[in-house]
Protein backbone atom coordinates (compact mmCIF):
# COMPACT_ATOMS: atom_id res chain seq x y z
CA UNK A 1 -18.10 -25.95 30.99
CA UNK A 2 -15.56 -25.84 33.84
CA UNK A 3 -14.42 -29.08 35.46
CA UNK A 4 -12.10 -29.77 38.39
CA UNK A 5 -9.23 -32.17 37.65
CA UNK A 6 -7.61 -34.69 39.99
CA UNK A 7 -5.16 -32.13 41.39
CA UNK A 8 -7.95 -29.76 42.37
CA UNK A 9 -7.19 -27.08 39.79
CA UNK A 10 -9.87 -25.73 37.53
CA UNK A 11 -9.44 -26.40 33.82
CA UNK A 12 -11.48 -25.14 30.90
CA UNK A 13 -13.11 -27.99 29.05
CA UNK A 14 -14.96 -25.91 26.51
CA UNK A 15 -14.38 -22.31 25.53
CA UNK A 16 -16.94 -20.30 23.65
CA UNK A 17 -15.92 -19.54 20.08
CA UNK A 18 -17.24 -16.04 20.58
CA UNK A 19 -14.70 -15.55 23.38
CA UNK A 20 -11.89 -16.81 21.13
CA UNK A 21 -13.00 -14.43 18.37
CA UNK A 22 -13.08 -11.56 20.86
CA UNK A 23 -9.52 -12.26 22.00
CA UNK A 24 -8.34 -12.51 18.38
CA UNK A 25 -9.95 -9.17 17.53
CA UNK A 26 -8.32 -7.60 20.59
CA UNK A 27 -4.94 -9.12 19.63
CA UNK A 28 -5.10 -7.75 16.08
CA UNK A 29 -6.12 -4.32 17.37
CA UNK A 30 -3.10 -4.43 19.69
CA UNK A 31 -0.79 -5.57 16.88
CA UNK A 32 -2.08 -2.70 14.75
CA UNK A 33 -0.95 -0.34 17.48
CA UNK A 34 2.60 -1.70 17.22
CA UNK A 35 3.30 0.33 14.08
CA UNK A 36 2.65 3.80 15.57
CA UNK A 37 4.45 2.66 18.75
CA UNK A 38 7.55 1.82 16.70
CA UNK A 39 7.26 5.14 14.85
CA UNK A 40 7.12 7.04 18.14
CA UNK A 41 10.06 5.13 19.69
CA UNK A 42 12.24 6.00 16.69
CA UNK A 43 12.29 9.55 18.08
CA UNK A 44 14.48 8.20 20.91
CA UNK A 45 16.14 5.05 19.57
CA UNK A 46 17.85 3.92 16.39
CA UNK A 47 16.23 0.98 14.56
CA UNK A 48 18.92 -1.39 15.90
CA UNK A 49 18.53 -0.12 19.47
CA UNK A 50 14.76 -0.55 19.26
CA UNK A 51 15.06 -4.17 18.07
CA UNK A 52 17.69 -5.01 20.72
CA UNK A 53 15.79 -3.48 23.63
CA UNK A 54 12.41 -4.86 22.55
CA UNK A 55 13.52 -8.46 22.22
CA UNK A 56 15.98 -8.67 25.10
CA UNK A 57 13.15 -7.47 27.35
CA UNK A 58 10.90 -10.37 26.27
CA UNK A 59 13.66 -13.00 26.24
CA UNK A 60 13.16 -13.94 29.94
CA UNK A 61 9.46 -14.64 29.32
CA UNK A 62 10.07 -17.15 26.52
CA UNK A 63 13.07 -18.72 28.30
CA UNK A 64 11.01 -19.16 31.47
CA UNK A 65 8.14 -20.91 29.65
CA UNK A 66 10.53 -23.17 27.72
CA UNK A 67 12.35 -24.12 30.95
CA UNK A 68 9.23 -24.95 32.98
CA UNK A 69 7.54 -26.96 30.23
CA UNK A 70 8.80 -30.15 28.64
CA UNK A 71 12.29 -29.18 27.39
CA UNK A 72 12.75 -32.19 25.10
CA UNK A 73 11.12 -30.60 21.99
CA UNK A 74 13.38 -27.54 22.29
CA UNK A 75 16.49 -29.73 22.60
CA UNK A 76 15.47 -31.90 19.66
CA UNK A 77 14.78 -28.81 17.54
CA UNK A 78 18.27 -27.49 18.27
CA UNK A 79 19.91 -30.81 17.43
CA UNK A 80 17.96 -31.94 14.39
CA UNK A 81 16.50 -28.80 12.78
CA UNK A 82 19.24 -26.24 13.29
CA UNK A 83 19.16 -25.01 9.67
CA UNK A 84 15.44 -24.22 9.61
CA UNK A 85 15.59 -22.84 13.15
CA UNK A 86 18.47 -20.50 12.24
CA UNK A 87 16.60 -19.17 9.21
CA UNK A 88 13.46 -18.62 11.30
CA UNK A 89 15.46 -16.91 14.06
CA UNK A 90 17.36 -14.54 11.77
CA UNK A 91 14.51 -13.52 9.48
CA UNK A 92 11.77 -13.62 12.14
CA UNK A 93 13.59 -11.48 14.71
CA UNK A 94 16.39 -9.51 13.04
CA UNK A 95 15.37 -9.39 9.36
CA UNK A 96 11.69 -8.54 9.82
CA UNK A 97 12.02 -6.13 12.73
CA UNK A 98 15.11 -4.30 11.46
CA UNK A 99 13.54 -3.76 8.03
CA UNK A 100 10.29 -2.53 9.60
CA UNK A 101 12.04 -0.17 12.04
CA UNK A 102 14.38 1.20 9.35
CA UNK A 103 11.48 1.68 6.94
CA UNK A 104 9.39 3.54 9.51
CA UNK A 105 12.15 6.16 9.80
CA UNK A 106 10.48 7.74 6.73
CA UNK A 107 7.39 5.66 5.91
CA UNK A 108 4.16 6.50 7.83
CA UNK A 109 3.18 3.82 10.34
CA UNK A 110 -0.20 3.16 8.66
CA UNK A 111 1.39 2.68 5.22
CA UNK A 112 4.04 0.39 6.75
CA UNK A 113 1.32 -1.83 8.25
CA UNK A 114 -0.27 -2.21 4.81
CA UNK A 115 3.06 -3.11 3.21
CA UNK A 116 3.61 -5.73 5.93
CA UNK A 117 0.30 -7.34 4.95
CA UNK A 118 1.94 -8.43 1.68
CA UNK A 119 3.68 -11.27 3.55
CA UNK A 120 1.16 -13.93 2.32
CA UNK A 121 2.07 -12.96 -1.27
CA UNK A 122 5.78 -13.56 -0.68
CA UNK A 123 5.05 -16.69 1.36
CA UNK A 124 3.17 -18.12 -1.62
CA UNK A 125 6.01 -17.23 -4.01
CA UNK A 126 8.60 -18.89 -1.76
CA UNK A 127 6.36 -21.93 -1.26
CA UNK A 128 6.01 -22.32 -5.03
CA UNK A 129 9.77 -21.98 -5.53
CA UNK A 130 11.08 -24.08 -2.64
CA UNK A 131 8.20 -26.24 -1.37
CA UNK A 132 6.84 -27.03 -4.86
CA UNK A 133 3.35 -25.81 -3.96
CA UNK A 134 1.04 -25.14 -6.90
CA UNK A 135 -0.20 -21.71 -7.87
CA UNK A 136 -3.36 -20.79 -9.76
CA UNK A 137 -4.51 -18.00 -12.05
CA UNK A 138 -6.68 -16.68 -9.23
CA UNK A 139 -3.66 -16.33 -6.94
CA UNK A 140 -1.69 -14.60 -9.70
CA UNK A 141 -4.55 -12.13 -10.21
CA UNK A 142 -4.60 -11.52 -6.45
CA UNK A 143 -0.86 -10.79 -6.50
CA UNK A 144 -1.32 -8.34 -9.37
CA UNK A 145 -4.14 -6.50 -7.57
CA UNK A 146 -2.00 -6.23 -4.42
CA UNK A 147 0.94 -4.85 -6.40
CA UNK A 148 -1.32 -2.19 -7.95
CA UNK A 149 -2.48 -1.28 -4.43
CA UNK A 150 1.14 -1.09 -3.27
CA UNK A 151 2.01 1.20 -6.19
CA UNK A 152 -0.86 3.53 -5.30
CA UNK A 153 0.13 3.60 -1.64
CA UNK A 154 3.81 4.28 -2.26
CA UNK A 155 3.71 6.41 -5.41
CA UNK A 156 0.44 8.33 -5.29
CA UNK A 157 0.05 8.76 -1.53
CA UNK A 158 3.64 9.93 -1.06
CA UNK A 159 2.72 13.59 -1.68
CA UNK A 160 5.58 15.92 -0.93
CA UNK A 161 7.56 12.97 0.44
CA UNK A 162 7.59 11.42 -3.02
CA UNK A 163 11.34 11.59 -3.52
CA UNK A 164 13.91 8.90 -4.16
CA UNK A 165 14.69 8.69 -0.42
CA UNK A 166 11.04 7.93 0.35
CA UNK A 167 10.95 5.15 -2.24
CA UNK A 168 14.18 3.71 -0.87
CA UNK A 169 12.63 3.44 2.59
CA UNK A 170 9.53 1.88 1.04
CA UNK A 171 11.78 -0.79 -0.51
CA UNK A 172 13.46 -1.32 2.87
CA UNK A 173 10.01 -1.74 4.46
CA UNK A 174 9.16 -4.25 1.74
CA UNK A 175 12.04 -6.42 3.02
CA UNK A 176 10.01 -6.97 6.22
CA UNK A 177 7.17 -9.03 4.63
CA UNK A 178 9.81 -10.85 2.54
CA UNK A 179 11.67 -11.71 5.77
CA UNK A 180 8.40 -12.81 7.38
CA UNK A 181 7.67 -15.02 4.39
CA UNK A 182 11.08 -16.71 4.75
CA UNK A 183 10.40 -17.12 8.48
CA UNK A 184 6.99 -18.69 7.72
CA UNK A 185 8.38 -21.14 5.16
CA UNK A 186 11.22 -22.10 7.53
CA UNK A 187 8.71 -22.71 10.33
CA UNK A 188 6.55 -24.91 8.11
CA UNK A 189 9.11 -27.72 8.38
CA UNK A 190 9.12 -27.29 12.18
CA UNK A 191 5.40 -26.95 12.87
CA UNK A 192 4.60 -30.52 11.85
CA UNK A 193 7.08 -31.94 14.36
CA UNK A 194 6.89 -29.63 17.39
CA UNK A 195 4.23 -27.89 19.45
CA UNK A 196 3.18 -24.35 18.51
CA UNK A 197 4.75 -22.58 21.49
CA UNK A 198 8.16 -24.20 20.96
CA UNK A 199 8.07 -23.25 17.26
CA UNK A 200 7.26 -19.65 18.27
CA UNK A 201 9.62 -19.32 21.24
CA UNK A 202 12.80 -20.97 19.95
CA UNK A 203 13.36 -18.62 16.96
CA UNK A 204 12.78 -15.62 19.28
CA UNK A 205 15.29 -16.99 21.81
CA UNK A 206 17.89 -17.94 19.19
CA UNK A 207 17.43 -14.66 17.29
CA UNK A 208 17.69 -12.49 20.42
CA UNK A 209 20.73 -14.00 22.16
CA UNK A 210 23.25 -12.72 19.52
CA UNK A 211 21.93 -9.18 20.07
CA UNK A 212 22.86 -9.10 23.77
CA UNK A 213 26.69 -8.71 23.39
CA UNK A 214 26.16 -5.67 21.13
CA UNK A 215 24.76 -3.57 23.99
CA UNK A 216 27.02 -0.61 24.75
CA UNK A 217 27.25 2.80 26.38
CA UNK A 218 25.31 4.51 23.58
CA UNK A 219 22.36 2.16 24.16
CA UNK A 220 22.30 2.96 27.88
CA UNK A 221 22.41 6.71 27.13
CA UNK A 222 19.56 6.37 24.61
CA UNK A 223 17.44 4.42 27.12
CA UNK A 224 18.08 7.02 29.83
CA UNK A 225 16.76 9.77 27.54
CA UNK A 226 13.48 8.02 26.80
CA UNK A 227 10.34 9.84 27.90
CA UNK A 228 7.62 8.31 30.06
CA UNK A 229 5.43 7.88 26.93
CA UNK A 230 8.32 6.14 25.18
CA UNK A 231 8.61 3.67 28.06
CA UNK A 232 4.88 3.01 27.81
CA UNK A 233 5.25 2.40 24.06
CA UNK A 234 8.14 -0.02 24.72
CA UNK A 235 6.15 -1.89 27.37
CA UNK A 236 3.23 -2.05 24.95
CA UNK A 237 5.46 -3.56 22.23
CA UNK A 238 7.19 -6.02 24.55
CA UNK A 239 4.45 -7.17 26.91
CA UNK A 240 1.25 -6.85 24.88
CA UNK A 241 2.38 -7.21 21.25
CA UNK A 242 5.10 -9.84 21.63
CA UNK A 243 4.35 -11.86 24.77
CA UNK A 244 0.56 -11.62 25.15
CA UNK A 245 -0.19 -11.34 21.42
CA UNK A 246 1.84 -14.38 20.42
CA UNK A 247 0.45 -16.41 23.32
CA UNK A 248 -3.17 -15.63 22.39
CA UNK A 249 -2.46 -16.39 18.71
CA UNK A 250 -1.04 -19.83 19.57
CA UNK A 251 -3.90 -20.50 22.01
CA UNK A 252 -6.44 -19.62 19.29
CA UNK A 253 -4.73 -21.92 16.75
CA UNK A 254 -5.45 -24.84 19.09
CA UNK A 255 -9.18 -24.06 19.05
CA UNK A 256 -9.87 -22.81 15.51
CA UNK A 257 -8.66 -23.73 12.05
CA UNK A 258 -5.57 -21.88 10.82
CA UNK A 259 -7.55 -20.32 7.95
CA UNK A 260 -10.11 -18.85 10.40
CA UNK A 261 -7.38 -17.47 12.64
CA UNK A 262 -5.47 -16.05 9.65
CA UNK A 263 -8.57 -14.19 8.46
CA UNK A 264 -8.24 -11.84 11.43
CA UNK A 265 -4.97 -10.35 10.08
CA UNK A 266 -7.00 -7.93 7.93
CA UNK A 267 -7.92 -6.07 11.12
CA UNK A 268 -4.27 -5.16 11.76
CA UNK A 269 -3.81 -2.45 9.09
CA UNK A 270 -7.26 -1.04 9.89
CA UNK A 271 -6.24 -0.73 13.54
CA UNK A 272 -2.85 0.68 12.55
CA UNK A 273 -4.34 3.36 10.26
CA UNK A 274 -6.77 4.43 13.00
CA UNK A 275 -4.22 4.48 15.84
CA UNK A 276 -1.67 6.26 13.63
CA UNK A 277 -4.30 8.89 12.87
CA UNK A 278 -5.27 9.29 16.54
CA UNK A 279 -1.80 9.26 18.14
CA UNK A 280 0.53 10.46 15.37
CA UNK A 281 -1.81 12.61 13.31
CA UNK A 282 -1.13 10.63 10.11
CA UNK A 283 -3.82 11.45 7.51
CA UNK A 284 -6.18 8.88 6.00
CA UNK A 285 -6.77 10.15 2.46
CA UNK A 286 -9.01 8.71 -0.30
CA UNK A 287 -5.85 7.58 -2.14
CA UNK A 288 -4.69 5.65 0.92
CA UNK A 289 -8.13 4.05 1.29
CA UNK A 290 -8.13 3.03 -2.41
CA UNK A 291 -4.62 1.58 -2.21
CA UNK A 292 -5.44 -0.23 1.03
CA UNK A 293 -8.61 -1.77 -0.43
CA UNK A 294 -6.75 -3.02 -3.51
CA UNK A 295 -3.79 -4.38 -1.53
CA UNK A 296 -5.94 -6.17 1.05
CA UNK A 297 -8.34 -7.48 -1.63
CA UNK A 298 -5.41 -9.03 -3.48
CA UNK A 299 -4.07 -10.62 -0.31
CA UNK A 300 -7.56 -11.96 0.46
CA UNK A 301 -7.81 -13.54 -3.00
CA UNK A 302 -4.41 -15.20 -2.55
CA UNK A 303 -5.28 -16.44 0.96
CA UNK A 304 -8.71 -17.71 -0.15
CA UNK A 305 -7.16 -19.58 -3.06
CA UNK A 306 -4.51 -21.05 -0.79
CA UNK A 307 -7.10 -22.22 1.74
CA UNK A 308 -9.21 -23.82 -0.96
CA UNK A 309 -6.23 -25.39 -2.65
């Protein structure tokens, strides 16, 4: 139902849940496309250049929103929660994205997206260690199933790439969900005190600003050699994946429970495998399907146990 407020602007009083679900599905499909986009951009940029260019391009968006909204939460977060904010900024921007970009130098984009989906496993482990959350046998079984799936994906699906270098890049990729888990745990102490957009935007702002002084001549040369398709991939990562995707995710969290919103993450690796097959020609073999099913089943068991606990 649409009502007109006292200032004459239209505001949405009620939004259909079906519309929210549709936007979440679209967001996860878009996020799945981020992995092949990163893989393609690595033909033109180094992992560090990709992270720098991606996040400096979205910095004005988050700064603009923070400046036009109530700035007091951002100021209070900087003053009183600098430790948690610094952890979230480093691991959410630099740690996660550098590990993912470095890993995708050798790891297929679809496999990387499945490895990233292990982040709830590491979040649970860190929560047990540092937030004193309780674990259960069901969660432990879920972790074990996911690890078996990971082994199948990395060891048995490697094929002719199955050399020590390939495994090293798989370990580097594994640092991305670990970084995301640290980011998530750090944000837990912030989310109870500040609004969702501030908690999302401030780590991105704080994590991106230190990257700006590192821009040099080599970065400008690399950018100038990017193809038209590479620019489209960069715009896709910056505008759709980071700005629009995060905004929709936060908007959905205000209208649905966090567990319902989180359940949509299982669409991301499915989207990534399909888009990687269509745009990069990465194969989807029975071994990959088996490993993916085991890994995602384990993550589902852990998430279900966490929601019920």
